[in-house]
Amino acid sequence: MTSPPYPPDTRAKGWRFELDHERVRQSDTWALAPREMRPWLLMLWMVAWEQTPCGSLPDDDRLIAARLDMPIELFAPHRDVLLRGWWRAEDGRLYHDTLVERVREMMSVRGVDRARADARRNQFEKVRERDGHACVYCGNTKYLTLDHLVPLSRGGSNDE
């Protein structure tokens, strides 16, 4: 059995779920799905995106059907098509390579964003320490921003 592709606490937390319509329509699963099952396929991915960990499903047909608001009597005969491409990991959850790819992309972008925010915060703290935690123009000690310290509107920059 395969290890889970990312930590169990991975959540979307507002990250938008975007479908690659061309990729979906070109997939074998889409081609094999009866027309009336196609909306359920899309709903399955949206439900998985909201799960923790993000992009996974519980390995329980009744629970999956309930999350889809789909009668189990309708889910059961179409299970093979609906869950085509999903695989079970050691954590007992189902994953799909396409969703795993999307979650990893989200995690990578978040890591870059977090690094940028940390760098900006560190830079700002160095400037505050250098200037005694006060604006060099007005002496204010509250609501300081880099723009306030050296106004960008007056040709300042974000440099220390």
N, C-alpha and C. Protein backbone atom coordinates (compact mmCIF):
# COMPACT_ATOMS: atom_id res chain seq x y z
N MET A 1 0.85 -1.18 0.00
CA MET A 1 0.00 0.00 0.00
C MET A 1 0.89 1.25 0.00
N THR A 2 0.39 2.30 -0.55
CA THR A 2 1.14 3.54 -0.74
C THR A 2 0.93 4.50 0.43
N SER A 3 1.97 5.24 0.75
CA SER A 3 1.87 6.26 1.79
C SER A 3 0.99 7.40 1.31
N PRO A 4 0.34 8.11 2.24
CA PRO A 4 -0.44 9.28 1.84
C PRO A 4 0.50 10.29 1.17
N PRO A 5 0.02 11.01 0.17
CA PRO A 5 0.88 11.90 -0.61
C PRO A 5 1.27 13.20 0.09
N TYR A 6 0.62 13.54 1.21
CA TYR A 6 0.93 14.76 1.94
C TYR A 6 0.39 14.61 3.36
N PRO A 7 0.73 15.55 4.25
CA PRO A 7 0.32 15.44 5.65
C PRO A 7 -1.19 15.34 5.84
N PRO A 8 -1.62 14.66 6.89
CA PRO A 8 -3.06 14.45 7.12
C PRO A 8 -3.84 15.71 7.46
N ASP A 9 -3.16 16.79 7.84
CA ASP A 9 -3.87 18.02 8.20
C ASP A 9 -3.92 19.02 7.04
N THR A 10 -3.57 18.59 5.83
CA THR A 10 -3.58 19.48 4.66
C THR A 10 -5.01 19.87 4.33
N ARG A 11 -5.25 21.19 4.29
CA ARG A 11 -6.58 21.71 3.98
C ARG A 11 -6.47 22.77 2.90
N ALA A 12 -7.57 22.96 2.16
CA ALA A 12 -7.59 23.97 1.10
C ALA A 12 -7.63 25.37 1.68
N LYS A 13 -8.32 25.57 2.81
CA LYS A 13 -8.39 26.86 3.50
C LYS A 13 -8.62 28.03 2.54
N GLY A 14 -9.65 27.94 1.73
CA GLY A 14 -9.98 29.04 0.84
C GLY A 14 -9.30 28.98 -0.52
N TRP A 15 -8.38 28.06 -0.70
CA TRP A 15 -7.74 27.92 -2.00
C TRP A 15 -8.79 27.41 -2.98
N ARG A 16 -8.95 28.11 -4.08
CA ARG A 16 -9.99 27.75 -5.05
C ARG A 16 -9.69 26.42 -5.73
N PHE A 17 -10.75 25.68 -5.94
CA PHE A 17 -10.64 24.45 -6.70
C PHE A 17 -10.97 24.78 -8.14
N GLU A 18 -10.00 24.63 -9.01
CA GLU A 18 -10.21 24.94 -10.42
C GLU A 18 -10.13 23.67 -11.25
N LEU A 19 -11.10 23.50 -12.10
CA LEU A 19 -11.12 22.35 -12.99
C LEU A 19 -10.45 22.70 -14.30
N ASP A 20 -9.65 21.79 -14.79
CA ASP A 20 -9.08 21.92 -16.13
C ASP A 20 -10.08 21.23 -17.05
N HIS A 21 -11.00 22.02 -17.60
CA HIS A 21 -12.10 21.45 -18.38
C HIS A 21 -11.61 20.58 -19.54
N GLU A 22 -10.57 21.03 -20.22
CA GLU A 22 -10.06 20.24 -21.34
C GLU A 22 -9.55 18.88 -20.86
N ARG A 23 -8.82 18.90 -19.76
CA ARG A 23 -8.28 17.64 -19.21
C ARG A 23 -9.42 16.72 -18.78
N VAL A 24 -10.45 17.27 -18.15
CA VAL A 24 -11.59 16.47 -17.72
C VAL A 24 -12.27 15.84 -18.93
N ARG A 25 -12.56 16.64 -19.94
CA ARG A 25 -13.28 16.14 -21.11
C ARG A 25 -12.46 15.13 -21.92
N GLN A 26 -11.14 15.22 -21.85
CA GLN A 26 -10.28 14.28 -22.57
C GLN A 26 -10.00 13.01 -21.77
N SER A 27 -10.42 12.96 -20.52
CA SER A 27 -10.12 11.80 -19.68
C SER A 27 -10.94 10.58 -20.09
N ASP A 28 -10.36 9.43 -19.87
CA ASP A 28 -11.07 8.18 -20.16
C ASP A 28 -12.29 8.02 -19.24
N THR A 29 -12.16 8.47 -18.00
CA THR A 29 -13.28 8.36 -17.06
C THR A 29 -14.48 9.14 -17.57
N TRP A 30 -14.26 10.34 -18.06
CA TRP A 30 -15.35 11.16 -18.61
C TRP A 30 -16.00 10.44 -19.79
N ALA A 31 -15.18 9.86 -20.63
CA ALA A 31 -15.69 9.16 -21.81
C ALA A 31 -16.51 7.93 -21.41
N LEU A 32 -16.09 7.25 -20.36
CA LEU A 32 -16.79 6.03 -19.93
C LEU A 32 -18.04 6.32 -19.11
N ALA A 33 -18.12 7.48 -18.52
CA ALA A 33 -19.24 7.81 -17.64
C ALA A 33 -20.50 8.07 -18.45
N PRO A 34 -21.60 7.43 -18.05
CA PRO A 34 -22.87 7.77 -18.70
C PRO A 34 -23.16 9.26 -18.47
N ARG A 35 -23.79 9.89 -19.43
CA ARG A 35 -24.05 11.32 -19.37
C ARG A 35 -24.66 11.75 -18.03
N GLU A 36 -25.58 10.96 -17.50
CA GLU A 36 -26.24 11.34 -16.24
C GLU A 36 -25.31 11.24 -15.03
N MET A 37 -24.16 10.55 -15.18
CA MET A 37 -23.21 10.43 -14.07
C MET A 37 -22.16 11.54 -14.07
N ARG A 38 -22.02 12.26 -15.14
CA ARG A 38 -20.96 13.27 -15.25
C ARG A 38 -21.04 14.36 -14.19
N PRO A 39 -22.22 14.89 -13.88
CA PRO A 39 -22.27 15.88 -12.79
C PRO A 39 -21.79 15.31 -11.46
N TRP A 40 -22.05 14.02 -11.23
CA TRP A 40 -21.61 13.38 -9.99
C TRP A 40 -20.07 13.28 -9.95
N LEU A 41 -19.47 13.04 -11.11
CA LEU A 41 -18.00 13.00 -11.17
C LEU A 41 -17.41 14.34 -10.72
N LEU A 42 -17.95 15.42 -11.24
CA LEU A 42 -17.47 16.75 -10.87
C LEU A 42 -17.72 17.03 -9.38
N MET A 43 -18.89 16.64 -8.91
CA MET A 43 -19.23 16.84 -7.50
C MET A 43 -18.29 16.04 -6.60
N LEU A 44 -17.91 14.85 -7.04
CA LEU A 44 -16.99 14.00 -6.27
C LEU A 44 -15.68 14.72 -6.04
N TRP A 45 -15.16 15.38 -7.05
CA TRP A 45 -13.89 16.10 -6.93
C TRP A 45 -14.05 17.31 -6.02
N MET A 46 -15.18 18.01 -6.11
CA MET A 46 -15.39 19.17 -5.24
C MET A 46 -15.50 18.73 -3.78
N VAL A 47 -16.19 17.63 -3.53
CA VAL A 47 -16.30 17.10 -2.18
C VAL A 47 -14.92 16.71 -1.66
N ALA A 48 -14.13 16.05 -2.49
CA ALA A 48 -12.79 15.64 -2.08
C ALA A 48 -11.92 16.85 -1.75
N TRP A 49 -12.07 17.93 -2.49
CA TRP A 49 -11.28 19.14 -2.26
C TRP A 49 -11.54 19.72 -0.87
N GLU A 50 -12.76 19.55 -0.37
CA GLU A 50 -13.14 20.11 0.93
C GLU A 50 -12.80 19.21 2.11
N GLN A 51 -12.34 18.01 1.83
CA GLN A 51 -12.03 17.06 2.89
C GLN A 51 -10.69 17.39 3.55
N THR A 52 -10.43 16.76 4.68
CA THR A 52 -9.13 16.83 5.33
C THR A 52 -8.64 15.40 5.46
N PRO A 53 -7.52 15.06 4.81
CA PRO A 53 -6.71 15.94 4.00
C PRO A 53 -7.39 16.29 2.68
N CYS A 54 -7.04 17.46 2.20
CA CYS A 54 -7.59 18.00 0.96
C CYS A 54 -7.35 17.02 -0.19
N GLY A 55 -8.32 16.89 -1.07
CA GLY A 55 -8.16 16.05 -2.25
C GLY A 55 -8.29 14.57 -1.97
N SER A 56 -8.93 14.20 -0.87
CA SER A 56 -9.08 12.78 -0.54
C SER A 56 -10.54 12.48 -0.23
N LEU A 57 -10.84 11.20 -0.17
CA LEU A 57 -12.18 10.73 0.19
C LEU A 57 -12.05 9.61 1.21
N PRO A 58 -13.05 9.43 2.06
CA PRO A 58 -13.03 8.26 2.94
C PRO A 58 -13.26 7.01 2.10
N ASP A 59 -12.68 5.91 2.50
CA ASP A 59 -12.88 4.65 1.76
C ASP A 59 -14.14 3.97 2.30
N ASP A 60 -15.27 4.60 2.05
CA ASP A 60 -16.55 4.13 2.56
C ASP A 60 -17.62 4.58 1.57
N ASP A 61 -18.16 3.63 0.81
CA ASP A 61 -19.12 3.97 -0.24
C ASP A 61 -20.33 4.74 0.30
N ARG A 62 -20.86 4.31 1.44
CA ARG A 62 -22.04 4.99 2.00
C ARG A 62 -21.72 6.44 2.35
N LEU A 63 -20.55 6.67 2.90
CA LEU A 63 -20.16 8.03 3.28
C LEU A 63 -19.91 8.90 2.04
N ILE A 64 -19.28 8.32 1.03
CA ILE A 64 -19.05 9.07 -0.21
C ILE A 64 -20.40 9.45 -0.82
N ALA A 65 -21.30 8.49 -0.92
CA ALA A 65 -22.63 8.75 -1.49
C ALA A 65 -23.35 9.83 -0.67
N ALA A 66 -23.25 9.76 0.65
CA ALA A 66 -23.90 10.75 1.51
C ALA A 66 -23.29 12.13 1.28
N ARG A 67 -21.97 12.21 1.15
CA ARG A 67 -21.32 13.51 0.91
C ARG A 67 -21.76 14.10 -0.44
N LEU A 68 -22.05 13.22 -1.39
CA LEU A 68 -22.52 13.67 -2.70
C LEU A 68 -24.02 13.96 -2.70
N ASP A 69 -24.69 13.60 -1.60
CA ASP A 69 -26.14 13.69 -1.52
C ASP A 69 -26.76 12.83 -2.62
N MET A 70 -26.16 11.64 -2.77
CA MET A 70 -26.55 10.71 -3.82
C MET A 70 -27.06 9.43 -3.16
N PRO A 71 -28.20 8.93 -3.57
CA PRO A 71 -28.68 7.67 -2.98
C PRO A 71 -27.67 6.55 -3.22
N ILE A 72 -27.41 5.76 -2.20
CA ILE A 72 -26.45 4.66 -2.31
C ILE A 72 -26.89 3.69 -3.41
N GLU A 73 -28.19 3.59 -3.61
CA GLU A 73 -28.72 2.70 -4.66
C GLU A 73 -28.30 3.19 -6.05
N LEU A 74 -28.06 4.48 -6.19
CA LEU A 74 -27.59 5.04 -7.46
C LEU A 74 -26.06 4.96 -7.53
N PHE A 75 -25.40 5.15 -6.38
CA PHE A 75 -23.95 5.13 -6.33
C PHE A 75 -23.40 3.72 -6.65
N ALA A 76 -23.95 2.71 -6.01
CA ALA A 76 -23.42 1.35 -6.09
C ALA A 76 -23.22 0.84 -7.52
N PRO A 77 -24.22 0.94 -8.41
CA PRO A 77 -24.01 0.40 -9.75
C PRO A 77 -23.02 1.22 -10.60
N HIS A 78 -22.73 2.44 -10.18
CA HIS A 78 -21.83 3.30 -10.93
C HIS A 78 -20.50 3.53 -10.22
N ARG A 79 -20.27 2.79 -9.14
CA ARG A 79 -19.08 2.95 -8.33
C ARG A 79 -17.79 2.85 -9.15
N ASP A 80 -17.71 1.84 -10.01
CA ASP A 80 -16.48 1.62 -10.78
C ASP A 80 -16.11 2.81 -11.65
N VAL A 81 -17.09 3.46 -12.23
CA VAL A 81 -16.81 4.64 -13.05
C VAL A 81 -16.52 5.85 -12.17
N LEU A 82 -17.34 6.06 -11.14
CA LEU A 82 -17.18 7.22 -10.27
C LEU A 82 -15.82 7.21 -9.56
N LEU A 83 -15.37 6.05 -9.15
CA LEU A 83 -14.11 5.96 -8.41
C LEU A 83 -12.94 5.48 -9.27
N ARG A 84 -13.10 5.57 -10.57
CA ARG A 84 -12.02 5.18 -11.49
C ARG A 84 -10.83 6.11 -11.30
N GLY A 85 -9.66 5.54 -11.09
CA GLY A 85 -8.45 6.34 -10.91
C GLY A 85 -8.14 6.68 -9.46
N TRP A 86 -9.07 6.43 -8.55
CA TRP A 86 -8.83 6.66 -7.13
C TRP A 86 -8.09 5.47 -6.55
N TRP A 87 -7.16 5.72 -5.65
CA TRP A 87 -6.38 4.65 -5.03
C TRP A 87 -6.36 4.83 -3.51
N ARG A 88 -6.21 3.72 -2.82
CA ARG A 88 -6.24 3.73 -1.35
C ARG A 88 -4.83 3.85 -0.81
N ALA A 89 -4.65 4.77 0.13
CA ALA A 89 -3.36 4.96 0.79
C ALA A 89 -3.39 4.29 2.17
N GLU A 90 -2.23 4.27 2.81
CA GLU A 90 -2.10 3.63 4.12
C GLU A 90 -2.98 4.27 5.19
N ASP A 91 -3.38 5.53 4.99
CA ASP A 91 -4.23 6.21 5.97
C ASP A 91 -5.70 5.82 5.83
N GLY A 92 -5.99 4.90 4.88
CA GLY A 92 -7.36 4.43 4.69
C GLY A 92 -8.22 5.36 3.87
N ARG A 93 -7.61 6.35 3.23
CA ARG A 93 -8.36 7.30 2.42
C ARG A 93 -8.05 7.08 0.94
N LEU A 94 -8.94 7.57 0.10
CA LEU A 94 -8.79 7.45 -1.35
C LEU A 94 -8.22 8.74 -1.91
N TYR A 95 -7.30 8.60 -2.88
CA TYR A 95 -6.67 9.75 -3.53
C TYR A 95 -6.73 9.54 -5.04
N HIS A 96 -6.69 10.63 -5.77
CA HIS A 96 -6.66 10.60 -7.23
C HIS A 96 -5.45 11.41 -7.67
N ASP A 97 -4.66 10.86 -8.60
CA ASP A 97 -3.41 11.52 -9.01
C ASP A 97 -3.61 12.96 -9.47
N THR A 98 -4.69 13.24 -10.17
CA THR A 98 -4.93 14.60 -10.65
C THR A 98 -5.15 15.56 -9.48
N LEU A 99 -5.91 15.13 -8.49
CA LEU A 99 -6.14 15.99 -7.32
C LEU A 99 -4.87 16.10 -6.48
N VAL A 100 -4.11 15.02 -6.37
CA VAL A 100 -2.85 15.06 -5.63
C VAL A 100 -1.92 16.10 -6.26
N GLU A 101 -1.86 16.11 -7.56
CA GLU A 101 -1.04 17.08 -8.29
C GLU A 101 -1.49 18.51 -7.97
N ARG A 102 -2.79 18.74 -7.95
CA ARG A 102 -3.33 20.07 -7.67
C ARG A 102 -3.04 20.50 -6.22
N VAL A 103 -3.18 19.57 -5.28
CA VAL A 103 -2.92 19.88 -3.87
C VAL A 103 -1.44 20.21 -3.68
N ARG A 104 -0.58 19.43 -4.31
CA ARG A 104 0.87 19.70 -4.18
C ARG A 104 1.22 21.06 -4.79
N GLU A 105 0.58 21.41 -5.88
CA GLU A 105 0.78 22.74 -6.49
C GLU A 105 0.36 23.83 -5.51
N MET A 106 -0.80 23.64 -4.87
CA MET A 106 -1.29 24.60 -3.88
C MET A 106 -0.29 24.73 -2.73
N MET A 107 0.21 23.61 -2.25
CA MET A 107 1.15 23.63 -1.13
C MET A 107 2.45 24.35 -1.52
N SER A 108 2.89 24.16 -2.73
CA SER A 108 4.12 24.80 -3.21
C SER A 108 3.94 26.32 -3.27
N VAL A 109 2.83 26.76 -3.83
CA VAL A 109 2.56 28.19 -3.94
C VAL A 109 2.43 28.81 -2.55
N ARG A 110 1.76 28.10 -1.66
CA ARG A 110 1.63 28.60 -0.29
C ARG A 110 2.99 28.74 0.38
N GLY A 111 3.88 27.79 0.11
CA GLY A 111 5.22 27.86 0.69
C GLY A 111 5.98 29.09 0.21
N VAL A 112 5.88 29.39 -1.07
CA VAL A 112 6.53 30.58 -1.62
C VAL A 112 5.91 31.84 -1.02
N ASP A 113 4.58 31.89 -0.95
CA ASP A 113 3.90 33.05 -0.36
C ASP A 113 4.31 33.23 1.09
N ARG A 114 4.41 32.13 1.84
CA ARG A 114 4.78 32.21 3.25
C ARG A 114 6.21 32.73 3.39
N ALA A 115 7.11 32.27 2.52
CA ALA A 115 8.50 32.72 2.57
C ALA A 115 8.59 34.22 2.29
N ARG A 116 7.82 34.69 1.32
CA ARG A 116 7.80 36.13 1.00
C ARG A 116 7.28 36.94 2.19
N ALA A 117 6.21 36.48 2.78
CA ALA A 117 5.63 37.19 3.92
C ALA A 117 6.61 37.22 5.09
N ASP A 118 7.29 36.09 5.34
CA ASP A 118 8.27 36.04 6.42
C ASP A 118 9.43 37.00 6.15
N ALA A 119 9.89 37.05 4.90
CA ALA A 119 11.00 37.94 4.55
C ALA A 119 10.59 39.40 4.74
N ARG A 120 9.38 39.73 4.33
CA ARG A 120 8.89 41.12 4.49
C ARG A 120 8.75 41.47 5.97
N ARG A 121 8.22 40.54 6.75
CA ARG A 121 8.07 40.76 8.18
C ARG A 121 9.43 40.97 8.85
N ASN A 122 10.42 40.15 8.48
CA ASN A 122 11.77 40.28 9.04
C ASN A 122 12.39 41.62 8.65
N GLN A 123 12.20 42.02 7.39
CA GLN A 123 12.73 43.30 6.94
C GLN A 123 12.10 44.45 7.71
N PHE A 124 10.80 44.39 7.89
CA PHE A 124 10.09 45.43 8.60
C PHE A 124 10.57 45.52 10.06
N GLU A 125 10.77 44.36 10.68
CA GLU A 125 11.23 44.36 12.07
C GLU A 125 12.63 44.96 12.20
N LYS A 126 13.50 44.68 11.23
CA LYS A 126 14.85 45.27 11.24
C LYS A 126 14.77 46.80 11.13
N VAL A 127 13.89 47.29 10.28
CA VAL A 127 13.73 48.74 10.12
C VAL A 127 13.17 49.35 11.41
N ARG A 128 12.19 48.70 12.00
CA ARG A 128 11.61 49.21 13.27
C ARG A 128 12.68 49.27 14.36
N GLU A 129 13.47 48.21 14.46
CA GLU A 129 14.53 48.20 15.48
C GLU A 129 15.55 49.30 15.20
N ARG A 130 15.94 49.44 13.96
CA ARG A 130 16.91 50.46 13.58
C ARG A 130 16.43 51.86 13.96
N ASP A 131 15.11 52.11 13.77
CA ASP A 131 14.57 53.44 13.99
C ASP A 131 13.91 53.61 15.36
N GLY A 132 14.20 52.69 16.28
CA GLY A 132 13.65 52.82 17.64
C GLY A 132 12.15 52.66 17.72
N HIS A 133 11.59 51.87 16.83
CA HIS A 133 10.15 51.58 16.81
C HIS A 133 9.30 52.85 16.68
N ALA A 134 9.80 53.83 15.93
CA ALA A 134 9.06 55.08 15.72
C ALA A 134 9.31 55.56 14.29
N CYS A 135 8.34 56.31 13.77
CA CYS A 135 8.48 56.88 12.44
C CYS A 135 9.58 57.95 12.48
N VAL A 136 10.49 57.91 11.52
CA VAL A 136 11.59 58.88 11.48
C VAL A 136 11.10 60.27 11.07
N TYR A 137 9.89 60.37 10.52
CA TYR A 137 9.35 61.67 10.10
C TYR A 137 8.51 62.33 11.19
N CYS A 138 7.58 61.56 11.79
CA CYS A 138 6.63 62.17 12.72
C CYS A 138 6.77 61.68 14.16
N GLY A 139 7.55 60.64 14.36
CA GLY A 139 7.74 60.12 15.70
C GLY A 139 6.64 59.18 16.17
N ASN A 140 5.63 58.95 15.35
CA ASN A 140 4.53 58.06 15.71
C ASN A 140 5.06 56.66 15.99
N THR A 141 4.51 56.00 17.01
CA THR A 141 4.95 54.64 17.36
C THR A 141 3.86 53.60 17.07
N LYS A 142 2.73 54.04 16.53
CA LYS A 142 1.64 53.12 16.21
C LYS A 142 1.42 53.09 14.70
N TYR A 143 0.85 52.00 14.23
CA TYR A 143 0.44 51.85 12.84
C TYR A 143 1.59 52.09 11.85
N LEU A 144 2.76 51.60 12.18
CA LEU A 144 3.90 51.80 11.30
C LEU A 144 3.85 50.83 10.13
N THR A 145 4.19 51.33 8.96
CA THR A 145 4.36 50.51 7.76
C THR A 145 5.63 50.98 7.09
N LEU A 146 6.16 50.17 6.20
CA LEU A 146 7.35 50.62 5.48
C LEU A 146 7.03 51.85 4.65
N ASP A 147 5.84 51.92 4.11
CA ASP A 147 5.44 53.07 3.31
C ASP A 147 5.40 54.34 4.18
N HIS A 148 5.02 54.19 5.44
CA HIS A 148 4.98 55.33 6.35
C HIS A 148 6.40 55.79 6.70
N LEU A 149 7.30 54.84 6.88
CA LEU A 149 8.66 55.20 7.26
C LEU A 149 9.35 56.00 6.16
N VAL A 150 9.22 55.55 4.92
CA VAL A 150 9.77 56.27 3.77
C VAL A 150 8.67 56.21 2.71
N PRO A 151 7.83 57.23 2.64
CA PRO A 151 6.67 57.16 1.74
C PRO A 151 7.03 56.83 0.30
N LEU A 152 6.42 55.79 -0.20
CA LEU A 152 6.62 55.43 -1.60
C LEU A 152 6.14 56.55 -2.52
N SER A 153 5.10 57.26 -2.09
CA SER A 153 4.57 58.35 -2.91
C SER A 153 5.56 59.51 -3.06
N ARG A 154 6.56 59.50 -2.21
CA ARG A 154 7.58 60.56 -2.28
C ARG A 154 8.92 60.00 -2.73
N GLY A 155 8.86 58.90 -3.46
CA GLY A 155 10.09 58.34 -4.04
C GLY A 155 10.84 57.38 -3.14
N GLY A 156 10.25 57.00 -2.01
CA GLY A 156 10.89 56.05 -1.11
C GLY A 156 10.86 54.65 -1.70
N SER A 157 11.51 53.75 -1.01
CA SER A 157 11.51 52.34 -1.48
C SER A 157 11.28 51.45 -0.26
N ASN A 158 11.25 50.17 -0.49
CA ASN A 158 11.08 49.21 0.60
C ASN A 158 12.43 48.75 1.15
N ASP A 159 13.51 49.36 0.70
CA ASP A 159 14.82 48.99 1.21
C ASP A 159 14.99 49.46 2.65
N GLU A 160 15.87 48.77 3.36
CA GLU A 160 16.14 49.19 4.74
C GLU A 160 16.83 50.53 4.74
